[in-house]
Amino acid sequence: MKTGNSLVLAAACAANALIAPAASATTATCADRTHVVQALNDRFGEALYGNAVSRTGEVLEVYSNPASQSWTILVSLPDRGLSCLVASGSGDQGLAVQLANLSG
């Protein structure tokens, strides 16, 4: 995974349209933030890479593991203590392809 803010910026752009749907997601895609963060660390060795706060208070979080190049994007809802899975994958090539498709 490339270092720097480019991944966070790219993820923020890609997930920007998803923040509203994630905020109203059911409990099937959301769970207690503490448990989600612990599971990302325990199962995938992922730690917080970067985050951004929306105007309405949702927090976009990117977790990654540089060694395995895995990444996870969450939208956290601080007022409810929940985190909702937006996307996950590995490497950064797939993200670049998705972003190219969005700009079309």
PDB file of N, CA and C in Angstrom:
ATOM      1  N   MET A   1       0.848  -1.169   0.000  1.00  0.00           N
ATOM      2  CA  MET A   1       0.000   0.000   0.000  1.00  0.00           C
ATOM      3  C   MET A   1       0.886   1.222   0.000  1.00  0.00           C
ATOM      4  N   LYS A   2       0.568   2.197  -0.782  1.00  0.00           N
ATOM      5  CA  LYS A   2       1.331   3.425  -0.838  1.00  0.00           C
ATOM      6  C   LYS A   2       1.071   4.237   0.419  1.00  0.00           C
ATOM      7  N   THR A   3       2.105   4.916   0.877  1.00  0.00           N
ATOM      8  CA  THR A   3       1.938   5.744   2.057  1.00  0.00           C
ATOM      9  C   THR A   3       1.461   7.121   1.646  1.00  0.00           C
ATOM     10  N   GLY A   4       1.097   7.921   2.637  1.00  0.00           N
ATOM     11  CA  GLY A   4       0.653   9.278   2.360  1.00  0.00           C
ATOM     12  C   GLY A   4      -0.846   9.404   2.472  1.00  0.00           C
ATOM     13  N   ASN A   5      -1.319  10.561   2.133  1.00  0.00           N
ATOM     14  CA  ASN A   5      -2.738  10.853   2.278  1.00  0.00           C
ATOM     15  C   ASN A   5      -3.546  10.477   1.059  1.00  0.00           C
ATOM     16  N   SER A   6      -2.914   9.991  -0.017  1.00  0.00           N
ATOM     17  CA  SER A   6      -3.654   9.712  -1.243  1.00  0.00           C
ATOM     18  C   SER A   6      -4.712   8.643  -1.047  1.00  0.00           C
ATOM     19  N   LEU A   7      -4.410   7.595  -0.268  1.00  0.00           N
ATOM     20  CA  LEU A   7      -5.400   6.548  -0.039  1.00  0.00           C
ATOM     21  C   LEU A   7      -6.584   7.079   0.748  1.00  0.00           C
ATOM     22  N   VAL A   8      -6.303   7.867   1.773  1.00  0.00           N
ATOM     23  CA  VAL A   8      -7.393   8.427   2.576  1.00  0.00           C
ATOM     24  C   VAL A   8      -8.251   9.342   1.726  1.00  0.00           C
ATOM     25  N   LEU A   9      -7.617  10.190   0.917  1.00  0.00           N
ATOM     26  CA  LEU A   9      -8.373  11.089   0.050  1.00  0.00           C
ATOM     27  C   LEU A   9      -9.187  10.305  -0.968  1.00  0.00           C
ATOM     28  N   ALA A  10      -8.591   9.285  -1.561  1.00  0.00           N
ATOM     29  CA  ALA A  10      -9.309   8.476  -2.540  1.00  0.00           C
ATOM     30  C   ALA A  10     -10.476   7.753  -1.893  1.00  0.00           C
ATOM     31  N   ALA A  11     -10.261   7.203  -0.715  1.00  0.00           N
ATOM     32  CA  ALA A  11     -11.338   6.504  -0.018  1.00  0.00           C
ATOM     33  C   ALA A  11     -12.455   7.458   0.362  1.00  0.00           C
ATOM     34  N   ALA A  12     -12.082   8.654   0.788  1.00  0.00           N
ATOM     35  CA  ALA A  12     -13.092   9.645   1.160  1.00  0.00           C
ATOM     36  C   ALA A  12     -13.942  10.014  -0.045  1.00  0.00           C
ATOM     37  N   CYS A  13     -13.303  10.196  -1.192  1.00  0.00           N
ATOM     38  CA  CYS A  13     -14.051  10.526  -2.404  1.00  0.00           C
ATOM     39  C   CYS A  13     -14.967   9.373  -2.811  1.00  0.00           C
ATOM     40  N   ALA A  14     -14.448   8.156  -2.755  1.00  0.00           N
ATOM     41  CA  ALA A  14     -15.227   6.996  -3.168  1.00  0.00           C
ATOM     42  C   ALA A  14     -16.388   6.731  -2.223  1.00  0.00           C
ATOM     43  N   ALA A  15     -16.179   6.982  -0.948  1.00  0.00           N
ATOM     44  CA  ALA A  15     -17.211   6.666   0.039  1.00  0.00           C
ATOM     45  C   ALA A  15     -18.137   7.840   0.326  1.00  0.00           C
ATOM     46  N   ASN A  16     -17.848   8.998  -0.187  1.00  0.00           N
ATOM     47  CA  ASN A  16     -18.660  10.178   0.090  1.00  0.00           C
ATOM     48  C   ASN A  16     -20.132   9.939  -0.220  1.00  0.00           C
ATOM     49  N   ALA A  17     -20.413   9.321  -1.343  1.00  0.00           N
ATOM     50  CA  ALA A  17     -21.800   9.049  -1.722  1.00  0.00           C
ATOM     51  C   ALA A  17     -22.419   7.959  -0.866  1.00  0.00           C
ATOM     52  N   LEU A  18     -21.598   7.211  -0.148  1.00  0.00           N
ATOM     53  CA  LEU A  18     -22.101   6.097   0.646  1.00  0.00           C
ATOM     54  C   LEU A  18     -22.376   6.477   2.094  1.00  0.00           C
ATOM     55  N   ILE A  19     -21.979   7.662   2.520  1.00  0.00           N
ATOM     56  CA  ILE A  19     -22.125   8.014   3.927  1.00  0.00           C
ATOM     57  C   ILE A  19     -23.591   8.044   4.344  1.00  0.00           C
ATOM     58  N   ALA A  20     -24.465   8.646   3.571  1.00  0.00           N
ATOM     59  CA  ALA A  20     -25.879   8.699   3.944  1.00  0.00           C
ATOM     60  C   ALA A  20     -26.502   7.309   4.023  1.00  0.00           C
ATOM     61  N   PRO A  21     -26.311   6.418   3.023  1.00  0.00           N
ATOM     62  CA  PRO A  21     -26.861   5.081   3.165  1.00  0.00           C
ATOM     63  C   PRO A  21     -26.274   4.328   4.350  1.00  0.00           C
ATOM     64  N   ALA A  22     -24.993   4.496   4.624  1.00  0.00           N
ATOM     65  CA  ALA A  22     -24.385   3.795   5.746  1.00  0.00           C
ATOM     66  C   ALA A  22     -24.975   4.281   7.060  1.00  0.00           C
ATOM     67  N   ALA A  23     -25.306   5.549   7.125  1.00  0.00           N
ATOM     68  CA  ALA A  23     -25.867   6.094   8.352  1.00  0.00           C
ATOM     69  C   ALA A  23     -27.221   5.478   8.666  1.00  0.00           C
ATOM     70  N   SER A  24     -27.934   5.017   7.664  1.00  0.00           N
ATOM     71  CA  SER A  24     -29.231   4.403   7.901  1.00  0.00           C
ATOM     72  C   SER A  24     -29.177   2.892   7.726  1.00  0.00           C
ATOM     73  N   ALA A  25     -27.956   2.333   7.724  1.00  0.00           N
ATOM     74  CA  ALA A  25     -27.796   0.895   7.513  1.00  0.00           C
ATOM     75  C   ALA A  25     -28.400   0.110   8.670  1.00  0.00           C
ATOM     76  N   THR A  26     -28.767  -1.105   8.383  1.00  0.00           N
ATOM     77  CA  THR A  26     -29.318  -1.967   9.415  1.00  0.00           C
ATOM     78  C   THR A  26     -28.195  -2.534  10.265  1.00  0.00           C
ATOM     79  N   THR A  27     -28.558  -3.192  11.356  1.00  0.00           N
ATOM     80  CA  THR A  27     -27.554  -3.756  12.240  1.00  0.00           C
ATOM     81  C   THR A  27     -26.816  -4.914  11.586  1.00  0.00           C
ATOM     82  N   ALA A  28     -27.268  -5.404  10.442  1.00  0.00           N
ATOM     83  CA  ALA A  28     -26.576  -6.482   9.742  1.00  0.00           C
ATOM     84  C   ALA A  28     -25.237  -6.008   9.190  1.00  0.00           C
ATOM     85  N   THR A  29     -25.094  -4.724   8.874  1.00  0.00           N
ATOM     86  CA  THR A  29     -23.837  -4.209   8.334  1.00  0.00           C
ATOM     87  C   THR A  29     -23.117  -3.309   9.326  1.00  0.00           C
ATOM     88  N   CYS A  30     -23.696  -3.092  10.476  1.00  0.00           N
ATOM     89  CA  CYS A  30     -23.114  -2.231  11.500  1.00  0.00           C
ATOM     90  C   CYS A  30     -23.010  -3.002  12.813  1.00  0.00           C
ATOM     91  N   ALA A  31     -22.021  -2.610  13.613  1.00  0.00           N
ATOM     92  CA  ALA A  31     -21.859  -3.234  14.932  1.00  0.00           C
ATOM     93  C   ALA A  31     -21.206  -2.219  15.861  1.00  0.00           C
ATOM     94  N   ASP A  32     -21.139  -2.567  17.122  1.00  0.00           N
ATOM     95  CA  ASP A  32     -20.495  -1.723  18.111  1.00  0.00           C
ATOM     96  C   ASP A  32     -19.081  -1.387  17.653  1.00  0.00           C
ATOM     97  N   ARG A  33     -18.731  -0.122  17.623  1.00  0.00           N
ATOM     98  CA  ARG A  33     -17.453   0.322  17.090  1.00  0.00           C
ATOM     99  C   ARG A  33     -16.275  -0.352  17.785  1.00  0.00           C
ATOM    100  N   THR A  34     -16.333  -0.473  19.095  1.00  0.00           N
ATOM    101  CA  THR A  34     -15.240  -1.099  19.842  1.00  0.00           C
ATOM    102  C   THR A  34     -14.977  -2.509  19.342  1.00  0.00           C
ATOM    103  N   HIS A  35     -16.041  -3.276  19.108  1.00  0.00           N
ATOM    104  CA  HIS A  35     -15.898  -4.660  18.635  1.00  0.00           C
ATOM    105  C   HIS A  35     -15.369  -4.702  17.202  1.00  0.00           C
ATOM    106  N   VAL A  36     -15.840  -3.801  16.366  1.00  0.00           N
ATOM    107  CA  VAL A  36     -15.392  -3.772  14.968  1.00  0.00           C
ATOM    108  C   VAL A  36     -13.903  -3.455  14.898  1.00  0.00           C
ATOM    109  N   VAL A  37     -13.461  -2.434  15.607  1.00  0.00           N
ATOM    110  CA  VAL A  37     -12.053  -2.038  15.591  1.00  0.00           C
ATOM    111  C   VAL A  37     -11.177  -3.168  16.137  1.00  0.00           C
ATOM    112  N   GLN A  38     -11.621  -3.801  17.210  1.00  0.00           N
ATOM    113  CA  GLN A  38     -10.848  -4.912  17.789  1.00  0.00           C
ATOM    114  C   GLN A  38     -10.761  -6.082  16.813  1.00  0.00           C
ATOM    115  N   ALA A  39     -11.858  -6.382  16.114  1.00  0.00           N
ATOM    116  CA  ALA A  39     -11.861  -7.487  15.142  1.00  0.00           C
ATOM    117  C   ALA A  39     -10.932  -7.178  13.963  1.00  0.00           C
ATOM    118  N   LEU A  40     -10.923  -5.939  13.497  1.00  0.00           N
ATOM    119  CA  LEU A  40     -10.018  -5.573  12.401  1.00  0.00           C
ATOM    120  C   LEU A  40      -8.565  -5.765  12.814  1.00  0.00           C
ATOM    121  N   ASN A  41      -8.255  -5.427  14.057  1.00  0.00           N
ATOM    122  CA  ASN A  41      -6.896  -5.597  14.547  1.00  0.00           C
ATOM    123  C   ASN A  41      -6.561  -7.068  14.764  1.00  0.00           C
ATOM    124  N   ASP A  42      -7.453  -7.804  15.427  1.00  0.00           N
ATOM    125  CA  ASP A  42      -7.203  -9.214  15.748  1.00  0.00           C
ATOM    126  C   ASP A  42      -7.162 -10.102  14.509  1.00  0.00           C
ATOM    127  N   ARG A  43      -8.105  -9.942  13.613  1.00  0.00           N
ATOM    128  CA  ARG A  43      -8.239 -10.844  12.466  1.00  0.00           C
ATOM    129  C   ARG A  43      -7.366 -10.455  11.280  1.00  0.00           C
ATOM    130  N   PHE A  44      -7.156  -9.147  11.077  1.00  0.00           N
ATOM    131  CA  PHE A  44      -6.449  -8.698   9.876  1.00  0.00           C
ATOM    132  C   PHE A  44      -5.200  -7.875  10.159  1.00  0.00           C
ATOM    133  N   GLY A  45      -4.935  -7.580  11.440  1.00  0.00           N
ATOM    134  CA  GLY A  45      -3.778  -6.777  11.794  1.00  0.00           C
ATOM    135  C   GLY A  45      -3.893  -5.345  11.311  1.00  0.00           C
ATOM    136  N   GLU A  46      -5.118  -4.886  11.098  1.00  0.00           N
ATOM    137  CA  GLU A  46      -5.337  -3.537  10.586  1.00  0.00           C
ATOM    138  C   GLU A  46      -5.422  -2.526  11.723  1.00  0.00           C
ATOM    139  N   ALA A  47      -4.833  -1.366  11.478  1.00  0.00           N
ATOM    140  CA  ALA A  47      -4.881  -0.252  12.423  1.00  0.00           C
ATOM    141  C   ALA A  47      -5.358   0.987  11.675  1.00  0.00           C
ATOM    142  N   LEU A  48      -5.797   1.976  12.420  1.00  0.00           N
ATOM    143  CA  LEU A  48      -6.302   3.203  11.817  1.00  0.00           C
ATOM    144  C   LEU A  48      -5.220   3.868  10.977  1.00  0.00           C
ATOM    145  N   TYR A  49      -5.550   4.151   9.728  1.00  0.00           N
ATOM    146  CA  TYR A  49      -4.639   4.789   8.778  1.00  0.00           C
ATOM    147  C   TYR A  49      -4.966   6.274   8.641  1.00  0.00           C
ATOM    148  N   GLY A  50      -6.258   6.587   8.648  1.00  0.00           N
ATOM    149  CA  GLY A  50      -6.689   7.969   8.546  1.00  0.00           C
ATOM    150  C   GLY A  50      -8.184   8.078   8.703  1.00  0.00           C
ATOM    151  N   ASN A  51      -8.662   9.301   8.956  1.00  0.00           N
ATOM    152  CA  ASN A  51     -10.095   9.496   9.107  1.00  0.00           C
ATOM    153  C   ASN A  51     -10.482  10.916   8.725  1.00  0.00           C
ATOM    154  N   ALA A  52     -11.770  11.118   8.557  1.00  0.00           N
ATOM    155  CA  ALA A  52     -12.320  12.432   8.235  1.00  0.00           C
ATOM    156  C   ALA A  52     -13.738  12.492   8.785  1.00  0.00           C
ATOM    157  N   VAL A  53     -14.171  13.676   9.165  1.00  0.00           N
ATOM    158  CA  VAL A  53     -15.504  13.867   9.738  1.00  0.00           C
ATOM    159  C   VAL A  53     -16.372  14.597   8.727  1.00  0.00           C
ATOM    160  N   SER A  54     -17.593  14.073   8.505  1.00  0.00           N
ATOM    161  CA  SER A  54     -18.532  14.722   7.585  1.00  0.00           C
ATOM    162  C   SER A  54     -19.184  15.918   8.279  1.00  0.00           C
ATOM    163  N   ARG A  55     -19.874  16.739   7.491  1.00  0.00           N
ATOM    164  CA  ARG A  55     -20.586  17.889   8.061  1.00  0.00           C
ATOM    165  C   ARG A  55     -21.665  17.458   9.036  1.00  0.00           C
ATOM    166  N   THR A  56     -22.191  16.247   8.863  1.00  0.00           N
ATOM    167  CA  THR A  56     -23.271  15.779   9.732  1.00  0.00           C
ATOM    168  C   THR A  56     -22.777  14.916  10.886  1.00  0.00           C
ATOM    169  N   GLY A  57     -21.448  14.782  11.029  1.00  0.00           N
ATOM    170  CA  GLY A  57     -20.888  14.117  12.202  1.00  0.00           C
ATOM    171  C   GLY A  57     -20.483  12.662  12.033  1.00  0.00           C
ATOM    172  N   GLU A  58     -20.736  12.068  10.858  1.00  0.00           N
ATOM    173  CA  GLU A  58     -20.266  10.715  10.647  1.00  0.00           C
ATOM    174  C   GLU A  58     -18.752  10.751  10.437  1.00  0.00           C
ATOM    175  N   VAL A  59     -18.079   9.668  10.828  1.00  0.00           N
ATOM    176  CA  VAL A  59     -16.623   9.621  10.706  1.00  0.00           C
ATOM    177  C   VAL A  59     -16.256   8.526   9.706  1.00  0.00           C
ATOM    178  N   LEU A  60     -15.582   8.930   8.638  1.00  0.00           N
ATOM    179  CA  LEU A  60     -15.052   7.990   7.658  1.00  0.00           C
ATOM    180  C   LEU A  60     -13.701   7.537   8.181  1.00  0.00           C
ATOM    181  N   GLU A  61     -13.514   6.221   8.322  1.00  0.00           N
ATOM    182  CA  GLU A  61     -12.263   5.689   8.854  1.00  0.00           C
ATOM    183  C   GLU A  61     -11.679   4.687   7.875  1.00  0.00           C
ATOM    184  N   VAL A  62     -10.377   4.797   7.647  1.00  0.00           N
ATOM    185  CA  VAL A  62      -9.668   3.839   6.814  1.00  0.00           C
ATOM    186  C   VAL A  62      -8.691   3.093   7.712  1.00  0.00           C
ATOM    187  N   TYR A  63      -8.826   1.769   7.747  1.00  0.00           N
ATOM    188  CA  TYR A  63      -7.924   0.897   8.490  1.00  0.00           C
ATOM    189  C   TYR A  63      -7.093   0.128   7.482  1.00  0.00           C
ATOM    190  N   SER A  64      -5.833  -0.127   7.806  1.00  0.00           N
ATOM    191  CA  SER A  64      -4.996  -0.866   6.869  1.00  0.00           C
ATOM    192  C   SER A  64      -3.922  -1.652   7.596  1.00  0.00           C
ATOM    193  N   ASN A  65      -3.383  -2.621   6.863  1.00  0.00           N
ATOM    194  CA  ASN A  65      -2.237  -3.398   7.301  1.00  0.00           C
ATOM    195  C   ASN A  65      -1.223  -3.324   6.171  1.00  0.00           C
ATOM    196  N   PRO A  66      -0.171  -2.518   6.307  1.00  0.00           N
ATOM    197  CA  PRO A  66       0.804  -2.366   5.226  1.00  0.00           C
ATOM    198  C   PRO A  66       1.475  -3.678   4.815  1.00  0.00           C
ATOM    199  N   ALA A  67       1.680  -4.577   5.763  1.00  0.00           N
ATOM    200  CA  ALA A  67       2.359  -5.840   5.445  1.00  0.00           C
ATOM    201  C   ALA A  67       1.531  -6.701   4.488  1.00  0.00           C
ATOM    202  N   SER A  68       0.239  -6.798   4.740  1.00  0.00           N
ATOM    203  CA  SER A  68      -0.622  -7.627   3.885  1.00  0.00           C
ATOM    204  C   SER A  68      -1.329  -6.808   2.813  1.00  0.00           C
ATOM    205  N   GLN A  69      -1.224  -5.494   2.877  1.00  0.00           N
ATOM    206  CA  GLN A  69      -1.886  -4.552   1.989  1.00  0.00           C
ATOM    207  C   GLN A  69      -3.411  -4.653   2.060  1.00  0.00           C
ATOM    208  N   SER A  70      -3.943  -5.135   3.185  1.00  0.00           N
ATOM    209  CA  SER A  70      -5.397  -5.166   3.337  1.00  0.00           C
ATOM    210  C   SER A  70      -5.861  -3.814   3.859  1.00  0.00           C
ATOM    211  N   TRP A  71      -7.106  -3.465   3.531  1.00  0.00           N
ATOM    212  CA  TRP A  71      -7.684  -2.216   3.993  1.00  0.00           C
ATOM    213  C   TRP A  71      -9.183  -2.394   4.197  1.00  0.00           C
ATOM    214  N   THR A  72      -9.732  -1.573   5.074  1.00  0.00           N
ATOM    215  CA  THR A  72     -11.162  -1.572   5.372  1.00  0.00           C
ATOM    216  C   THR A  72     -11.603  -0.128   5.543  1.00  0.00           C
ATOM    217  N   ILE A  73     -12.750   0.196   4.967  1.00  0.00           N
ATOM    218  CA  ILE A  73     -13.323   1.535   5.126  1.00  0.00           C
ATOM    219  C   ILE A  73     -14.609   1.397   5.941  1.00  0.00           C
ATOM    220  N   LEU A  74     -14.671   2.163   7.012  1.00  0.00           N
ATOM    221  CA  LEU A  74     -15.841   2.186   7.883  1.00  0.00           C
ATOM    222  C   LEU A  74     -16.440   3.581   7.900  1.00  0.00           C
ATOM    223  N   VAL A  75     -17.723   3.656   8.156  1.00  0.00           N
ATOM    224  CA  VAL A  75     -18.359   4.908   8.534  1.00  0.00           C
ATOM    225  C   VAL A  75     -18.856   4.694   9.949  1.00  0.00           C
ATOM    226  N   SER A  76     -18.329   5.500  10.859  1.00  0.00           N
ATOM    227  CA  SER A  76     -18.710   5.371  12.259  1.00  0.00           C
ATOM    228  C   SER A  76     -19.715   6.446  12.624  1.00  0.00           C
ATOM    229  N   LEU A  77     -20.644   6.073  13.468  1.00  0.00           N
ATOM    230  CA  LEU A  77     -21.709   6.951  13.922  1.00  0.00           C
ATOM    231  C   LEU A  77     -21.500   7.184  15.421  1.00  0.00           C
ATOM    232  N   PRO A  78     -20.745   8.222  15.785  1.00  0.00           N
ATOM    233  CA  PRO A  78     -20.378   8.432  17.178  1.00  0.00           C
ATOM    234  C   PRO A  78     -21.566   8.529  18.131  1.00  0.00           C
ATOM    235  N   ASP A  79     -22.643   9.141  17.692  1.00  0.00           N
ATOM    236  CA  ASP A  79     -23.797   9.304  18.570  1.00  0.00           C
ATOM    237  C   ASP A  79     -24.463   7.977  18.908  1.00  0.00           C
ATOM    238  N   ARG A  80     -24.238   6.952  18.092  1.00  0.00           N
ATOM    239  CA  ARG A  80     -24.827   5.635  18.346  1.00  0.00           C
ATOM    240  C   ARG A  80     -23.784   4.586  18.739  1.00  0.00           C
ATOM    241  N   GLY A  81     -22.486   4.953  18.656  1.00  0.00           N
ATOM    242  CA  GLY A  81     -21.427   4.012  19.005  1.00  0.00           C
ATOM    243  C   GLY A  81     -21.278   2.877  18.006  1.00  0.00           C
ATOM    244  N   LEU A  82     -21.726   3.099  16.769  1.00  0.00           N
ATOM    245  CA  LEU A  82     -21.695   2.054  15.749  1.00  0.00           C
ATOM    246  C   LEU A  82     -20.671   2.362  14.668  1.00  0.00           C
ATOM    247  N   SER A  83     -20.164   1.297  14.048  1.00  0.00           N
ATOM    248  CA  SER A  83     -19.352   1.414  12.843  1.00  0.00           C
ATOM    249  C   SER A  83     -19.985   0.531  11.786  1.00  0.00           C
ATOM    250  N   CYS A  84     -20.064   1.057  10.569  1.00  0.00           N
ATOM    251  CA  CYS A  84     -20.680   0.348   9.453  1.00  0.00           C
ATOM    252  C   CYS A  84     -19.631   0.085   8.376  1.00  0.00           C
ATOM    253  N   LEU A  85     -19.567  -1.147   7.915  1.00  0.00           N
ATOM    254  CA  LEU A  85     -18.618  -1.521   6.875  1.00  0.00           C
ATOM    255  C   LEU A  85     -19.057  -0.928   5.545  1.00  0.00           C
ATOM    256  N   VAL A  86     -18.147  -0.207   4.894  1.00  0.00           N
ATOM    257  CA  VAL A  86     -18.424   0.385   3.589  1.00  0.00           C
ATOM    258  C   VAL A  86     -17.735  -0.418   2.494  1.00  0.00           C
ATOM    259  N   ALA A  87     -16.459  -0.761   2.720  1.00  0.00           N
ATOM    260  CA  ALA A  87     -15.700  -1.508   1.714  1.00  0.00           C
ATOM    261  C   ALA A  87     -14.478  -2.124   2.371  1.00  0.00           C
ATOM    262  N   SER A  88     -13.951  -3.171   1.720  1.00  0.00           N
ATOM    263  CA  SER A  88     -12.696  -3.773   2.165  1.00  0.00           C
ATOM    264  C   SER A  88     -12.026  -4.416   0.967  1.00  0.00           C
ATOM    265  N   GLY A  89     -10.732  -4.613   1.088  1.00  0.00           N
ATOM    266  CA  GLY A  89     -10.000  -5.233  -0.007  1.00  0.00           C
ATOM    267  C   GLY A  89      -8.531  -5.290   0.304  1.00  0.00           C
ATOM    268  N   SER A  90      -7.742  -5.442  -0.758  1.00  0.00           N
ATOM    269  CA  SER A  90      -6.299  -5.461  -0.577  1.00  0.00           C
ATOM    270  C   SER A  90      -5.638  -4.727  -1.730  1.00  0.00           C
ATOM    271  N   GLY A  91      -4.449  -4.194  -1.450  1.00  0.00           N
ATOM    272  CA  GLY A  91      -3.733  -3.418  -2.443  1.00  0.00           C
ATOM    273  C   GLY A  91      -4.425  -2.101  -2.694  1.00  0.00           C
ATOM    274  N   ASP A  92      -3.940  -1.366  -3.708  1.00  0.00           N
ATOM    275  CA  ASP A  92      -4.589  -0.101  -4.033  1.00  0.00           C
ATOM    276  C   ASP A  92      -4.987  -0.008  -5.497  1.00  0.00           C
ATOM    277  N   GLN A  93      -4.688  -1.036  -6.268  1.00  0.00           N
ATOM    278  CA  GLN A  93      -5.029  -1.010  -7.686  1.00  0.00           C
ATOM    279  C   GLN A  93      -6.535  -1.022  -7.897  1.00  0.00           C
ATOM    280  N   GLY A  94      -7.265  -1.872  -7.179  1.00  0.00           N
ATOM    281  CA  GLY A  94      -8.719  -1.937  -7.325  1.00  0.00           C
ATOM    282  C   GLY A  94      -9.391  -0.627  -6.977  1.00  0.00           C
ATOM    283  N   LEU A  95      -8.887   0.062  -5.973  1.00  0.00           N
ATOM    284  CA  LEU A  95      -9.455   1.346  -5.586  1.00  0.00           C
ATOM    285  C   LEU A  95      -9.269   2.365  -6.700  1.00  0.00           C
ATOM    286  N   ALA A  96      -8.098   2.351  -7.321  1.00  0.00           N
ATOM    287  CA  ALA A  96      -7.832   3.287  -8.418  1.00  0.00           C
ATOM    288  C   ALA A  96      -8.790   3.035  -9.582  1.00  0.00           C
ATOM    289  N   VAL A  97      -9.077   1.768  -9.886  1.00  0.00           N
ATOM    290  CA  VAL A  97      -9.993   1.432 -10.972  1.00  0.00           C
ATOM    291  C   VAL A  97     -11.398   1.928 -10.640  1.00  0.00           C
ATOM    292  N   GLN A  98     -11.847   1.711  -9.417  1.00  0.00           N
ATOM    293  CA  GLN A  98     -13.180   2.162  -9.005  1.00  0.00           C
ATOM    294  C   GLN A  98     -13.286   3.677  -9.089  1.00  0.00           C
ATOM    295  N   LEU A  99     -12.251   4.377  -8.669  1.00  0.00           N
ATOM    296  CA  LEU A  99     -12.282   5.842  -8.730  1.00  0.00           C
ATOM    297  C   LEU A  99     -12.332   6.323 -10.163  1.00  0.00           C
ATOM    298  N   ALA A 100     -11.621   5.652 -11.065  1.00  0.00           N
ATOM    299  CA  ALA A 100     -11.647   6.023 -12.472  1.00  0.00           C
ATOM    300  C   ALA A 100     -13.054   5.852 -13.041  1.00  0.00           C
ATOM    301  N   ASN A 101     -13.747   4.796 -12.622  1.00  0.00           N
ATOM    302  CA  ASN A 101     -15.113   4.563 -13.084  1.00  0.00           C
ATOM    303  C   ASN A 101     -16.069   5.618 -12.558  1.00  0.00           C
ATOM    304  N   LEU A 102     -15.824   6.144 -11.360  1.00  0.00           N
ATOM    305  CA  LEU A 102     -16.701   7.157 -10.786  1.00  0.00           C
ATOM    306  C   LEU A 102     -16.584   8.489 -11.504  1.00  0.00           C
ATOM    307  N   SER A 103     -15.402   8.788 -12.023  1.00  0.00           N
ATOM    308  CA  SER A 103     -15.189  10.090 -12.639  1.00  0.00           C
ATOM    309  C   SER A 103     -15.774  10.176 -14.049  1.00  0.00           C
ATOM    310  N   GLY A 104     -16.169   9.014 -14.629  1.00  0.00           N
ATOM    311  CA  GLY A 104     -16.679   8.901 -15.985  1.00  0.00           C
ATOM    312  C   GLY A 104     -17.728   9.820 -16.353  1.00  0.00           C
TER     313      GLY A 104
END
